[in-house]
């Protein structure tokens, strides 16, 4: 996984008050608290040919 975000980010705050940020080209979802504390990072589809698999979070 790249150390920095490589696509545009689409953030969303959920009911559990965590911030889920979709890194479109990085094919991942990055999860933090509202204060910026890292919680999790997970890959959706690792090889998409450049289109990205994380278009948004709802």
N, C-alpha and C. Protein backbone atom coordinates (compact mmCIF):
# COMPACT_ATOMS: atom_id res chain seq x y z
N UNK A 1 0.84 -1.16 0.00
CA UNK A 1 0.00 0.00 0.00
C UNK A 1 0.90 1.24 0.00
N UNK A 2 0.60 2.23 -0.83
CA UNK A 2 1.43 3.44 -0.85
C UNK A 2 1.35 4.18 0.49
N UNK A 3 2.45 4.83 0.90
CA UNK A 3 2.43 5.54 2.18
C UNK A 3 1.55 6.79 2.16
N UNK A 4 1.34 7.37 0.99
CA UNK A 4 0.51 8.56 0.86
C UNK A 4 -0.69 8.27 -0.03
N UNK A 5 -1.69 9.11 0.05
CA UNK A 5 -2.85 8.97 -0.84
C UNK A 5 -2.41 9.33 -2.25
N UNK A 6 -2.90 8.58 -3.24
CA UNK A 6 -2.49 8.84 -4.62
C UNK A 6 -3.64 9.24 -5.52
N UNK A 7 -4.84 9.20 -5.04
CA UNK A 7 -5.99 9.63 -5.82
C UNK A 7 -6.73 10.72 -5.07
N UNK A 8 -7.88 11.10 -5.60
CA UNK A 8 -8.68 12.07 -4.85
C UNK A 8 -9.34 11.33 -3.68
N UNK A 9 -9.56 12.04 -2.60
CA UNK A 9 -10.18 11.44 -1.42
C UNK A 9 -11.65 11.81 -1.36
N UNK A 10 -12.45 10.84 -0.97
CA UNK A 10 -13.86 11.08 -0.74
C UNK A 10 -14.13 10.68 0.71
N UNK A 11 -14.15 11.64 1.63
CA UNK A 11 -14.35 11.30 3.04
C UNK A 11 -15.83 11.25 3.42
N UNK A 12 -16.10 10.51 4.49
CA UNK A 12 -17.44 10.46 5.04
C UNK A 12 -17.33 10.11 6.52
N UNK A 13 -18.12 10.75 7.36
CA UNK A 13 -18.16 10.44 8.79
C UNK A 13 -19.35 9.53 9.02
N UNK A 14 -19.11 8.40 9.68
CA UNK A 14 -20.17 7.42 9.89
C UNK A 14 -20.86 7.62 11.23
N UNK A 15 -21.86 6.80 11.48
CA UNK A 15 -22.60 6.88 12.75
C UNK A 15 -21.70 6.54 13.95
N UNK A 16 -20.66 5.74 13.71
CA UNK A 16 -19.74 5.41 14.80
C UNK A 16 -18.68 6.50 15.00
N UNK A 17 -18.86 7.62 14.30
CA UNK A 17 -18.02 8.82 14.39
C UNK A 17 -16.59 8.61 13.91
N UNK A 18 -16.39 7.62 13.07
CA UNK A 18 -15.09 7.42 12.43
C UNK A 18 -15.13 8.06 11.05
N UNK A 19 -13.98 8.50 10.58
CA UNK A 19 -13.87 9.11 9.25
C UNK A 19 -13.34 8.05 8.29
N UNK A 20 -14.12 7.76 7.27
CA UNK A 20 -13.74 6.80 6.25
C UNK A 20 -13.40 7.60 4.99
N UNK A 21 -12.16 7.48 4.51
CA UNK A 21 -11.73 8.22 3.33
C UNK A 21 -11.39 7.22 2.22
N UNK A 22 -12.10 7.33 1.11
CA UNK A 22 -11.84 6.47 -0.04
C UNK A 22 -10.74 7.10 -0.88
N UNK A 23 -9.63 6.37 -1.05
CA UNK A 23 -8.52 6.79 -1.90
C UNK A 23 -8.73 6.10 -3.24
N UNK A 24 -9.30 6.81 -4.20
CA UNK A 24 -9.77 6.18 -5.43
C UNK A 24 -8.69 5.41 -6.18
N UNK A 25 -7.60 6.03 -6.51
CA UNK A 25 -6.56 5.35 -7.30
C UNK A 25 -5.75 4.40 -6.42
N UNK A 26 -5.68 4.67 -5.13
CA UNK A 26 -4.96 3.79 -4.21
C UNK A 26 -5.73 2.53 -3.87
N UNK A 27 -6.98 2.42 -4.33
CA UNK A 27 -7.81 1.23 -4.13
C UNK A 27 -8.00 0.88 -2.67
N UNK A 28 -8.09 1.88 -1.81
CA UNK A 28 -8.18 1.58 -0.39
C UNK A 28 -9.14 2.52 0.34
N UNK A 29 -9.51 2.09 1.54
CA UNK A 29 -10.28 2.90 2.47
C UNK A 29 -9.39 3.13 3.69
N UNK A 30 -9.25 4.38 4.08
CA UNK A 30 -8.42 4.77 5.22
C UNK A 30 -9.37 5.22 6.32
N UNK A 31 -9.19 4.71 7.53
CA UNK A 31 -10.11 4.99 8.63
C UNK A 31 -9.37 5.69 9.77
N UNK A 32 -9.91 6.83 10.22
CA UNK A 32 -9.35 7.56 11.35
C UNK A 32 -10.49 8.02 12.26
N UNK A 33 -10.11 8.49 13.44
CA UNK A 33 -11.08 9.17 14.29
C UNK A 33 -11.23 10.60 13.75
N UNK A 34 -12.19 11.34 14.28
CA UNK A 34 -12.36 12.73 13.86
C UNK A 34 -11.17 13.59 14.27
N UNK A 35 -10.39 13.12 15.24
CA UNK A 35 -9.20 13.84 15.68
C UNK A 35 -7.96 13.46 14.87
N UNK A 36 -8.11 12.54 13.91
CA UNK A 36 -7.00 12.15 13.04
C UNK A 36 -6.22 10.94 13.49
N UNK A 37 -6.67 10.25 14.53
CA UNK A 37 -5.98 9.05 15.02
C UNK A 37 -6.25 7.89 14.07
N UNK A 38 -5.18 7.27 13.55
CA UNK A 38 -5.31 6.16 12.62
C UNK A 38 -6.01 4.98 13.27
N UNK A 39 -6.93 4.36 12.53
CA UNK A 39 -7.63 3.17 13.01
C UNK A 39 -7.40 1.97 12.10
N UNK A 40 -7.52 2.16 10.77
CA UNK A 40 -7.41 1.02 9.86
C UNK A 40 -7.17 1.50 8.44
N UNK A 41 -6.69 0.63 7.62
CA UNK A 41 -6.46 0.86 6.20
C UNK A 41 -6.76 -0.47 5.52
N UNK A 42 -7.61 -0.51 4.53
CA UNK A 42 -7.83 -1.78 3.85
C UNK A 42 -8.01 -1.58 2.36
N UNK A 43 -7.53 -2.55 1.60
CA UNK A 43 -7.58 -2.53 0.14
C UNK A 43 -8.87 -3.18 -0.31
N UNK A 44 -9.50 -2.59 -1.33
CA UNK A 44 -10.73 -3.17 -1.88
C UNK A 44 -10.40 -4.15 -3.00
N UNK A 45 -9.92 -3.65 -4.12
CA UNK A 45 -9.50 -4.47 -5.25
C UNK A 45 -8.12 -3.97 -5.63
N UNK A 46 -7.06 -4.76 -5.41
CA UNK A 46 -5.70 -4.24 -5.55
C UNK A 46 -5.25 -3.89 -6.97
N UNK A 47 -5.80 -4.50 -7.99
CA UNK A 47 -5.34 -4.24 -9.35
C UNK A 47 -6.54 -3.86 -10.23
N UNK A 48 -6.67 -2.57 -10.50
CA UNK A 48 -7.83 -2.12 -11.28
C UNK A 48 -7.43 -1.51 -12.62
N UNK A 49 -6.14 -1.49 -12.92
CA UNK A 49 -5.71 -0.92 -14.19
C UNK A 49 -5.72 0.59 -14.21
N UNK A 50 -5.65 1.23 -13.04
CA UNK A 50 -5.58 2.68 -12.98
C UNK A 50 -6.89 3.37 -12.71
N UNK A 51 -8.00 2.67 -12.85
CA UNK A 51 -9.30 3.30 -12.64
C UNK A 51 -9.68 3.49 -11.20
N UNK A 52 -9.15 2.65 -10.33
CA UNK A 52 -9.44 2.74 -8.91
C UNK A 52 -10.69 1.98 -8.51
N UNK A 53 -10.67 1.41 -7.32
CA UNK A 53 -11.83 0.65 -6.85
C UNK A 53 -12.55 1.33 -5.69
N UNK A 54 -11.99 2.40 -5.14
CA UNK A 54 -12.62 3.08 -4.01
C UNK A 54 -13.15 4.43 -4.46
N UNK A 55 -14.31 4.43 -5.06
CA UNK A 55 -14.86 5.68 -5.60
C UNK A 55 -15.56 6.53 -4.58
N UNK A 56 -15.95 5.95 -3.46
CA UNK A 56 -16.63 6.72 -2.44
C UNK A 56 -17.03 5.84 -1.28
N UNK A 57 -17.50 6.48 -0.24
CA UNK A 57 -17.93 5.78 0.97
C UNK A 57 -19.30 6.30 1.35
N UNK A 58 -20.24 5.40 1.59
CA UNK A 58 -21.59 5.84 1.97
C UNK A 58 -21.99 5.20 3.27
